């Protein structure tokens, strides 16, 4: 998102925001309408990316053929098992 703002502007400088928060000052930046478009674009892009990856994503061929990857522990599987144990 920050890269887009270099071309189109309208996104506040992170340094100014952090310094204002750190020093407990009022933010001197007026949020333009473009800023909210960036936020909306970020949210839509995130949801779209999650949807696309969950529907069409799979293991990459190089991973499925890698012996170390095949032997490695699946932390998500272990976490799901732990949740199921706690439910019982």
C-alpha atoms as a PDB file:
ATOM      1  CA  UNK A   1       0.000   0.000   0.000  1.00  0.00           C
ATOM      2  CA  UNK A   2       2.830   2.374   0.803  1.00  0.00           C
ATOM      3  CA  UNK A   3       4.278   1.868  -2.655  1.00  0.00           C
ATOM      4  CA  UNK A   4       1.009   2.943  -4.259  1.00  0.00           C
ATOM      5  CA  UNK A   5       1.014   6.105  -2.169  1.00  0.00           C
ATOM      6  CA  UNK A   6       4.329   7.187  -3.666  1.00  0.00           C
ATOM      7  CA  UNK A   7       2.613   7.362  -7.044  1.00  0.00           C
ATOM      8  CA  UNK A   8      -0.836   8.648  -6.052  1.00  0.00           C
ATOM      9  CA  UNK A   9      -0.194  10.507  -2.779  1.00  0.00           C
ATOM     10  CA  UNK A  10      -2.764  10.999  -0.032  1.00  0.00           C
ATOM     11  CA  UNK A  11      -1.247   8.631   2.534  1.00  0.00           C
ATOM     12  CA  UNK A  12       0.283  10.040   5.738  1.00  0.00           C
ATOM     13  CA  UNK A  13       3.970   9.701   6.521  1.00  0.00           C
ATOM     14  CA  UNK A  14       4.493   6.887   9.044  1.00  0.00           C
ATOM     15  CA  UNK A  15       7.186   8.816  10.864  1.00  0.00           C
ATOM     16  CA  UNK A  16       4.797  11.689  11.576  1.00  0.00           C
ATOM     17  CA  UNK A  17       2.124   9.303  12.831  1.00  0.00           C
ATOM     18  CA  UNK A  18       4.505   7.403  15.113  1.00  0.00           C
ATOM     19  CA  UNK A  19       6.058  10.575  16.545  1.00  0.00           C
ATOM     20  CA  UNK A  20       2.613  12.053  17.211  1.00  0.00           C
ATOM     21  CA  UNK A  21       1.501   8.894  18.991  1.00  0.00           C
ATOM     22  CA  UNK A  22       4.753   8.593  20.926  1.00  0.00           C
ATOM     23  CA  UNK A  23       4.611  12.197  22.120  1.00  0.00           C
ATOM     24  CA  UNK A  24       0.833  12.001  22.710  1.00  0.00           C
ATOM     25  CA  UNK A  25       0.208  14.872  20.311  1.00  0.00           C
ATOM     26  CA  UNK A  26      -2.709  15.464  17.991  1.00  0.00           C
ATOM     27  CA  UNK A  27      -1.929  14.208  14.518  1.00  0.00           C
ATOM     28  CA  UNK A  28      -1.156  17.162  12.269  1.00  0.00           C
ATOM     29  CA  UNK A  29      -2.205  15.296   9.162  1.00  0.00           C
ATOM     30  CA  UNK A  30      -5.654  15.665   7.666  1.00  0.00           C
ATOM     31  CA  UNK A  31      -6.764  12.327   6.283  1.00  0.00           C
ATOM     32  CA  UNK A  32      -7.749  12.848   2.686  1.00  0.00           C
ATOM     33  CA  UNK A  33     -10.413  10.878   0.891  1.00  0.00           C
ATOM     34  CA  UNK A  34      -7.644   8.918  -0.861  1.00  0.00           C
ATOM     35  CA  UNK A  35      -6.469   7.557   2.484  1.00  0.00           C
ATOM     36  CA  UNK A  36      -9.784   5.779   3.000  1.00  0.00           C
ATOM     37  CA  UNK A  37      -9.560   4.338  -0.503  1.00  0.00           C
ATOM     38  CA  UNK A  38      -6.173   2.884   0.460  1.00  0.00           C
ATOM     39  CA  UNK A  39      -7.678   1.334   3.576  1.00  0.00           C
ATOM     40  CA  UNK A  40     -10.598  -0.097   1.576  1.00  0.00           C
ATOM     41  CA  UNK A  41      -8.182  -1.405  -1.071  1.00  0.00           C
ATOM     42  CA  UNK A  42      -6.101  -3.062   1.649  1.00  0.00           C
ATOM     43  CA  UNK A  43      -9.134  -4.755   3.221  1.00  0.00           C
ATOM     44  CA  UNK A  44     -10.597  -5.909  -0.104  1.00  0.00           C
ATOM     45  CA  UNK A  45      -7.183  -7.109  -1.266  1.00  0.00           C
ATOM     46  CA  UNK A  46      -6.630  -9.047   1.947  1.00  0.00           C
ATOM     47  CA  UNK A  47     -10.034 -10.726   1.836  1.00  0.00           C
ATOM     48  CA  UNK A  48      -9.676 -11.436  -1.878  1.00  0.00           C
ATOM     49  CA  UNK A  49      -6.214 -12.921  -1.374  1.00  0.00           C
ATOM     50  CA  UNK A  50      -7.373 -15.138   1.478  1.00  0.00           C
ATOM     51  CA  UNK A  51     -10.338 -16.341  -0.561  1.00  0.00           C
ATOM     52  CA  UNK A  52      -8.247 -17.028  -3.656  1.00  0.00           C
ATOM     53  CA  UNK A  53      -5.567 -18.914  -1.741  1.00  0.00           C
ATOM     54  CA  UNK A  54      -8.080 -20.996   0.185  1.00  0.00           C
ATOM     55  CA  UNK A  55     -10.014 -21.925  -2.962  1.00  0.00           C
ATOM     56  CA  UNK A  56      -7.244 -22.337  -5.520  1.00  0.00           C
ATOM     57  CA  UNK A  57      -4.051 -22.581  -3.540  1.00  0.00           C
ATOM     58  CA  UNK A  58      -2.271 -25.782  -2.835  1.00  0.00           C
ATOM     59  CA  UNK A  59       1.193 -26.961  -2.107  1.00  0.00           C
ATOM     60  CA  UNK A  60       3.731 -25.780  -4.592  1.00  0.00           C
ATOM     61  CA  UNK A  61       5.293 -28.584  -6.624  1.00  0.00           C
ATOM     62  CA  UNK A  62       8.750 -27.833  -5.242  1.00  0.00           C
ATOM     63  CA  UNK A  63       7.441 -28.271  -1.692  1.00  0.00           C
ATOM     64  CA  UNK A  64       5.648 -31.528  -2.318  1.00  0.00           C
ATOM     65  CA  UNK A  65       8.797 -33.009  -3.847  1.00  0.00           C
ATOM     66  CA  UNK A  66      11.107 -31.754  -1.060  1.00  0.00           C
ATOM     67  CA  UNK A  67      12.006 -34.566   1.347  1.00  0.00           C
ATOM     68  CA  UNK A  68      12.670 -32.250   4.323  1.00  0.00           C
ATOM     69  CA  UNK A  69       9.299 -30.597   3.848  1.00  0.00           C
ATOM     70  CA  UNK A  70       7.578 -33.978   3.754  1.00  0.00           C
ATOM     71  CA  UNK A  71       9.270 -35.009   7.027  1.00  0.00           C
ATOM     72  CA  UNK A  72       8.571 -31.731   8.849  1.00  0.00           C
ATOM     73  CA  UNK A  73       5.948 -31.449  11.543  1.00  0.00           C
ATOM     74  CA  UNK A  74       2.659 -29.811  10.587  1.00  0.00           C
ATOM     75  CA  UNK A  75       2.121 -27.202  13.316  1.00  0.00           C
ATOM     76  CA  UNK A  76      -1.417 -26.441  12.170  1.00  0.00           C
ATOM     77  CA  UNK A  77      -2.385 -30.085  12.442  1.00  0.00           C
ATOM     78  CA  UNK A  78      -0.907 -30.198  15.937  1.00  0.00           C
ATOM     79  CA  UNK A  79      -2.784 -27.021  16.918  1.00  0.00           C
ATOM     80  CA  UNK A  80      -6.088 -28.450  15.658  1.00  0.00           C
ATOM     81  CA  UNK A  81      -5.484 -31.641  17.633  1.00  0.00           C
ATOM     82  CA  UNK A  82      -4.766 -29.597  20.763  1.00  0.00           C
ATOM     83  CA  UNK A  83      -8.002 -27.630  20.324  1.00  0.00           C
ATOM     84  CA  UNK A  84      -9.958 -30.866  19.881  1.00  0.00           C
ATOM     85  CA  UNK A  85      -8.374 -32.318  23.050  1.00  0.00           C
ATOM     86  CA  UNK A  86      -9.402 -29.225  25.034  1.00  0.00           C
ATOM     87  CA  UNK A  87     -12.971 -29.503  23.761  1.00  0.00           C
ATOM     88  CA  UNK A  88     -13.248 -33.063  25.079  1.00  0.00           C
END
